[in-house]
Amino acid sequence: MSINIRPTSGPIGATVTGLDITALSRGEAAELYQAFLKHGVLVFKDMQLDIPGHIALSELFGECDLHPIEALRYKEEPRLIVLAANNGQPVAVDDPEADKVVGRIPWHTDHMYTDTPNRGGLLRAITIPEKGGNTGWIDTAGVYGALPYRIK
């Protein structure tokens, strides 16, 4: 099966299907990288990833940075952080004490406070809620490029 990259209907992003990270050719890796540069956001559909696969996919786009807050790093793989409700523990539907929400992070740029901003991040959903769970992206370079010169 070969990969298929299809632009979204919006101004940013593309959907990738047919990707098997364990059988990726150099040509397909280069195609994915170019798609990332062109579209800014890639959404990988119908793909099963374990932790090594997550790292392998991330490294197609550059070296993985460590999160600057050491306490947030995943113990088994420090190049990852885990964003989870209930500290990653199973949540019983009827448990009133359980934290069932990860929370909301306002618009931000990852690692904007570091000397070298990162090129991107790979978000892998382990559990997908039946409703909500929306993630948004913005093309800040595109927005800046559209500003009138006097405002830039």
C-alpha atoms as a PDB file:
ATOM      1  CA  MET A   1       0.000   0.000   0.000  1.00  0.00           C
ATOM      2  CA  SER A   2       1.383   3.419  -0.895  1.00  0.00           C
ATOM      3  CA  ILE A   3       0.797   6.625   0.999  1.00  0.00           C
ATOM      4  CA  ASN A   4      -1.852   9.091  -0.097  1.00  0.00           C
ATOM      5  CA  ILE A   5      -1.577  12.783   0.805  1.00  0.00           C
ATOM      6  CA  ARG A   6      -4.720  14.836   0.319  1.00  0.00           C
ATOM      7  CA  PRO A   7      -4.972  18.575   1.171  1.00  0.00           C
ATOM      8  CA  THR A   8      -7.769  19.530   3.562  1.00  0.00           C
ATOM      9  CA  SER A   9     -10.478  21.941   2.477  1.00  0.00           C
ATOM     10  CA  GLY A  10      -9.027  24.635   4.756  1.00  0.00           C
ATOM     11  CA  PRO A  11      -6.056  26.920   4.243  1.00  0.00           C
ATOM     12  CA  ILE A  12      -3.669  24.617   6.121  1.00  0.00           C
ATOM     13  CA  GLY A  13      -3.138  20.878   6.453  1.00  0.00           C
ATOM     14  CA  ALA A  14      -3.296  17.576   4.603  1.00  0.00           C
ATOM     15  CA  THR A  15      -4.552  14.097   5.469  1.00  0.00           C
ATOM     16  CA  VAL A  16      -2.167  11.143   5.084  1.00  0.00           C
ATOM     17  CA  THR A  17      -3.474   7.606   4.623  1.00  0.00           C
ATOM     18  CA  GLY A  18      -1.840   4.313   3.737  1.00  0.00           C
ATOM     19  CA  LEU A  19       1.292   4.892   5.810  1.00  0.00           C
ATOM     20  CA  ASP A  20       3.105   1.922   7.343  1.00  0.00           C
ATOM     21  CA  ILE A  21       5.993   3.384   9.328  1.00  0.00           C
ATOM     22  CA  THR A  22       7.706  -0.031   9.458  1.00  0.00           C
ATOM     23  CA  ALA A  23       7.875  -0.272   5.641  1.00  0.00           C
ATOM     24  CA  LEU A  24       8.492   3.344   4.671  1.00  0.00           C
ATOM     25  CA  SER A  25      10.771   3.901   1.672  1.00  0.00           C
ATOM     26  CA  ARG A  26      13.211   6.813   1.415  1.00  0.00           C
ATOM     27  CA  GLY A  27      11.075   8.271  -1.346  1.00  0.00           C
ATOM     28  CA  GLU A  28       7.941   8.138   0.804  1.00  0.00           C
ATOM     29  CA  ALA A  29       9.826   9.713   3.722  1.00  0.00           C
ATOM     30  CA  ALA A  30      10.942  12.557   1.438  1.00  0.00           C
ATOM     31  CA  GLU A  31       7.362  12.912   0.140  1.00  0.00           C
ATOM     32  CA  LEU A  32       6.040  13.228   3.708  1.00  0.00           C
ATOM     33  CA  TYR A  33       8.666  15.815   4.593  1.00  0.00           C
ATOM     34  CA  GLN A  34       7.813  17.911   1.531  1.00  0.00           C
ATOM     35  CA  ALA A  35       4.094  17.598   2.349  1.00  0.00           C
ATOM     36  CA  PHE A  36       4.796  18.883   5.875  1.00  0.00           C
ATOM     37  CA  LEU A  37       6.685  21.886   4.465  1.00  0.00           C
ATOM     38  CA  LYS A  38       3.889  22.607   1.988  1.00  0.00           C
ATOM     39  CA  HIS A  39       0.829  22.028   4.198  1.00  0.00           C
ATOM     40  CA  GLY A  40       2.144  22.795   7.708  1.00  0.00           C
ATOM     41  CA  VAL A  41      -0.017  20.162   9.412  1.00  0.00           C
ATOM     42  CA  LEU A  42      -0.307  16.475   8.532  1.00  0.00           C
ATOM     43  CA  VAL A  43      -3.122  14.353   9.957  1.00  0.00           C
ATOM     44  CA  PHE A  44      -2.340  10.634   9.821  1.00  0.00           C
ATOM     45  CA  LYS A  45      -5.517   8.541   9.527  1.00  0.00           C
ATOM     46  CA  ASP A  46      -6.039   4.846  10.268  1.00  0.00           C
ATOM     47  CA  MET A  47      -2.539   4.358  11.594  1.00  0.00           C
ATOM     48  CA  GLN A  48      -1.569   2.277  14.599  1.00  0.00           C
ATOM     49  CA  LEU A  49       1.519   3.619  16.352  1.00  0.00           C
ATOM     50  CA  ASP A  50       3.386   2.296  19.348  1.00  0.00           C
ATOM     51  CA  ILE A  51       6.057   4.344  21.124  1.00  0.00           C
ATOM     52  CA  PRO A  52       8.945   3.307  18.806  1.00  0.00           C
ATOM     53  CA  GLY A  53       6.739   4.061  15.793  1.00  0.00           C
ATOM     54  CA  HIS A  54       5.836   7.444  17.256  1.00  0.00           C
ATOM     55  CA  ILE A  55       9.514   8.315  17.620  1.00  0.00           C
ATOM     56  CA  ALA A  56      10.341   6.973  14.127  1.00  0.00           C
ATOM     57  CA  LEU A  57       7.568   9.078  12.570  1.00  0.00           C
ATOM     58  CA  SER A  58       8.672  12.159  14.531  1.00  0.00           C
ATOM     59  CA  GLU A  59      12.265  11.746  13.403  1.00  0.00           C
ATOM     60  CA  LEU A  60      11.236  11.894   9.742  1.00  0.00           C
ATOM     61  CA  PHE A  61      10.785  15.616  10.304  1.00  0.00           C
ATOM     62  CA  GLY A  62      13.817  16.346  12.482  1.00  0.00           C
ATOM     63  CA  GLU A  63      15.540  15.518  15.728  1.00  0.00           C
ATOM     64  CA  CYS A  64      13.255  15.039  18.732  1.00  0.00           C
ATOM     65  CA  ASP A  65      13.774  17.681  21.400  1.00  0.00           C
ATOM     66  CA  LEU A  66      13.358  16.961  25.077  1.00  0.00           C
ATOM     67  CA  HIS A  67      10.634  18.920  26.801  1.00  0.00           C
ATOM     68  CA  PRO A  68      12.358  21.576  28.926  1.00  0.00           C
ATOM     69  CA  ILE A  69      10.282  20.642  31.987  1.00  0.00           C
ATOM     70  CA  GLU A  70      11.817  17.343  33.030  1.00  0.00           C
ATOM     71  CA  ALA A  71       8.867  16.363  35.243  1.00  0.00           C
ATOM     72  CA  LEU A  72       6.604  16.230  32.149  1.00  0.00           C
ATOM     73  CA  ARG A  73       8.805  13.745  30.285  1.00  0.00           C
ATOM     74  CA  TYR A  74       7.534  10.179  29.938  1.00  0.00           C
ATOM     75  CA  LYS A  75       9.718   7.951  32.138  1.00  0.00           C
ATOM     76  CA  GLU A  76      10.042   5.104  29.600  1.00  0.00           C
ATOM     77  CA  GLU A  77      10.850   7.457  26.697  1.00  0.00           C
ATOM     78  CA  PRO A  78      12.002  10.973  27.670  1.00  0.00           C
ATOM     79  CA  ARG A  79      11.470  12.351  24.156  1.00  0.00           C
ATOM     80  CA  LEU A  80       7.715  12.043  24.809  1.00  0.00           C
ATOM     81  CA  ILE A  81       5.349  13.746  27.201  1.00  0.00           C
ATOM     82  CA  VAL A  82       1.938  12.356  28.111  1.00  0.00           C
ATOM     83  CA  LEU A  83      -1.106  14.600  28.300  1.00  0.00           C
ATOM     84  CA  ALA A  84      -3.732  12.566  30.118  1.00  0.00           C
ATOM     85  CA  ALA A  85      -6.721  12.907  32.372  1.00  0.00           C
ATOM     86  CA  ASN A  86      -6.577  11.226  35.785  1.00  0.00           C
ATOM     87  CA  ASN A  87      -2.771  11.020  35.573  1.00  0.00           C
ATOM     88  CA  GLY A  88      -3.130   8.409  32.836  1.00  0.00           C
ATOM     89  CA  GLN A  89      -5.048   6.011  35.067  1.00  0.00           C
ATOM     90  CA  PRO A  90      -8.274   4.340  33.911  1.00  0.00           C
ATOM     91  CA  VAL A  91     -11.367   6.384  34.650  1.00  0.00           C
ATOM     92  CA  ALA A  92     -14.532   4.708  35.895  1.00  0.00           C
ATOM     93  CA  VAL A  93     -17.644   6.364  34.471  1.00  0.00           C
ATOM     94  CA  ASP A  94     -19.256   6.558  37.924  1.00  0.00           C
ATOM     95  CA  ASP A  95     -16.170   7.772  39.845  1.00  0.00           C
ATOM     96  CA  PRO A  96     -16.950  11.322  41.026  1.00  0.00           C
ATOM     97  CA  GLU A  97     -13.327  11.808  42.170  1.00  0.00           C
ATOM     98  CA  ALA A  98     -11.739  11.046  38.801  1.00  0.00           C
ATOM     99  CA  ASP A  99     -10.393  13.855  36.666  1.00  0.00           C
ATOM    100  CA  LYS A 100     -12.052  13.087  33.325  1.00  0.00           C
ATOM    101  CA  VAL A 101     -10.737  16.093  31.440  1.00  0.00           C
ATOM    102  CA  VAL A 102      -7.202  16.769  30.226  1.00  0.00           C
ATOM    103  CA  GLY A 103      -7.888  20.468  30.122  1.00  0.00           C
ATOM    104  CA  ARG A 104      -7.638  23.208  27.598  1.00  0.00           C
ATOM    105  CA  ILE A 105      -4.453  24.909  26.534  1.00  0.00           C
ATOM    106  CA  PRO A 106      -5.011  28.322  24.904  1.00  0.00           C
ATOM    107  CA  TRP A 107      -3.446  29.198  21.559  1.00  0.00           C
ATOM    108  CA  HIS A 108       0.290  28.870  21.898  1.00  0.00           C
ATOM    109  CA  THR A 109       3.500  27.982  20.084  1.00  0.00           C
ATOM    110  CA  ASP A 110       5.277  24.927  21.488  1.00  0.00           C
ATOM    111  CA  HIS A 111       8.696  25.671  23.005  1.00  0.00           C
ATOM    112  CA  MET A 112       8.472  29.384  22.155  1.00  0.00           C
ATOM    113  CA  TYR A 113      10.493  30.117  25.279  1.00  0.00           C
ATOM    114  CA  THR A 114      13.534  28.070  24.168  1.00  0.00           C
ATOM    115  CA  ASP A 115      16.591  29.356  22.292  1.00  0.00           C
ATOM    116  CA  THR A 116      15.716  27.263  19.245  1.00  0.00           C
ATOM    117  CA  PRO A 117      11.988  26.911  18.532  1.00  0.00           C
ATOM    118  CA  ASN A 118      10.948  23.459  17.409  1.00  0.00           C
ATOM    119  CA  ARG A 119       9.750  22.810  13.888  1.00  0.00           C
ATOM    120  CA  GLY A 120       6.641  20.953  14.991  1.00  0.00           C
ATOM    121  CA  GLY A 121       5.178  18.384  17.280  1.00  0.00           C
ATOM    122  CA  LEU A 122       3.550  15.006  16.839  1.00  0.00           C
ATOM    123  CA  LEU A 123       0.332  14.519  18.767  1.00  0.00           C
ATOM    124  CA  ARG A 124      -0.847  10.900  19.020  1.00  0.00           C
ATOM    125  CA  ALA A 125      -4.301  10.269  20.436  1.00  0.00           C
ATOM    126  CA  ILE A 126      -4.519   7.091  22.493  1.00  0.00           C
ATOM    127  CA  THR A 127      -8.124   7.574  23.591  1.00  0.00           C
ATOM    128  CA  ILE A 128     -10.426   9.667  21.449  1.00  0.00           C
ATOM    129  CA  PRO A 129     -13.523  11.147  23.114  1.00  0.00           C
ATOM    130  CA  GLU A 130     -16.902  10.607  21.486  1.00  0.00           C
ATOM    131  CA  LYS A 131     -17.439  14.366  21.497  1.00  0.00           C
ATOM    132  CA  GLY A 132     -15.165  17.338  22.018  1.00  0.00           C
ATOM    133  CA  GLY A 133     -11.421  16.814  22.004  1.00  0.00           C
ATOM    134  CA  ASN A 134     -10.915  19.403  19.309  1.00  0.00           C
ATOM    135  CA  THR A 135      -7.408  20.470  18.382  1.00  0.00           C
ATOM    136  CA  GLY A 136      -6.808  23.519  16.205  1.00  0.00           C
ATOM    137  CA  TRP A 137      -3.878  24.854  14.224  1.00  0.00           C
ATOM    138  CA  ILE A 138      -3.070  28.246  12.791  1.00  0.00           C
ATOM    139  CA  ASP A 139      -0.673  29.186  10.017  1.00  0.00           C
ATOM    140  CA  THR A 140       1.155  32.086  11.665  1.00  0.00           C
ATOM    141  CA  ALA A 141       3.524  32.495   8.702  1.00  0.00           C
ATOM    142  CA  GLY A 142       0.514  32.732   6.380  1.00  0.00           C
ATOM    143  CA  VAL A 143      -1.201  35.246   8.642  1.00  0.00           C
ATOM    144  CA  TYR A 144       1.961  37.346   8.835  1.00  0.00           C
ATOM    145  CA  GLY A 145       2.390  37.153   5.068  1.00  0.00           C
ATOM    146  CA  ALA A 146      -1.152  38.458   4.548  1.00  0.00           C
ATOM    147  CA  LEU A 147      -0.644  41.516   6.748  1.00  0.00           C
ATOM    148  CA  PRO A 148      -0.266  44.883   5.056  1.00  0.00           C
ATOM    149  CA  TYR A 149       3.355  46.054   4.972  1.00  0.00           C
ATOM    150  CA  ARG A 150       2.634  49.015   7.289  1.00  0.00           C
ATOM    151  CA  ILE A 151       1.454  46.633  10.037  1.00  0.00           C
ATOM    152  CA  LYS A 152       4.410  44.231   9.696  1.00  0.00           C
END
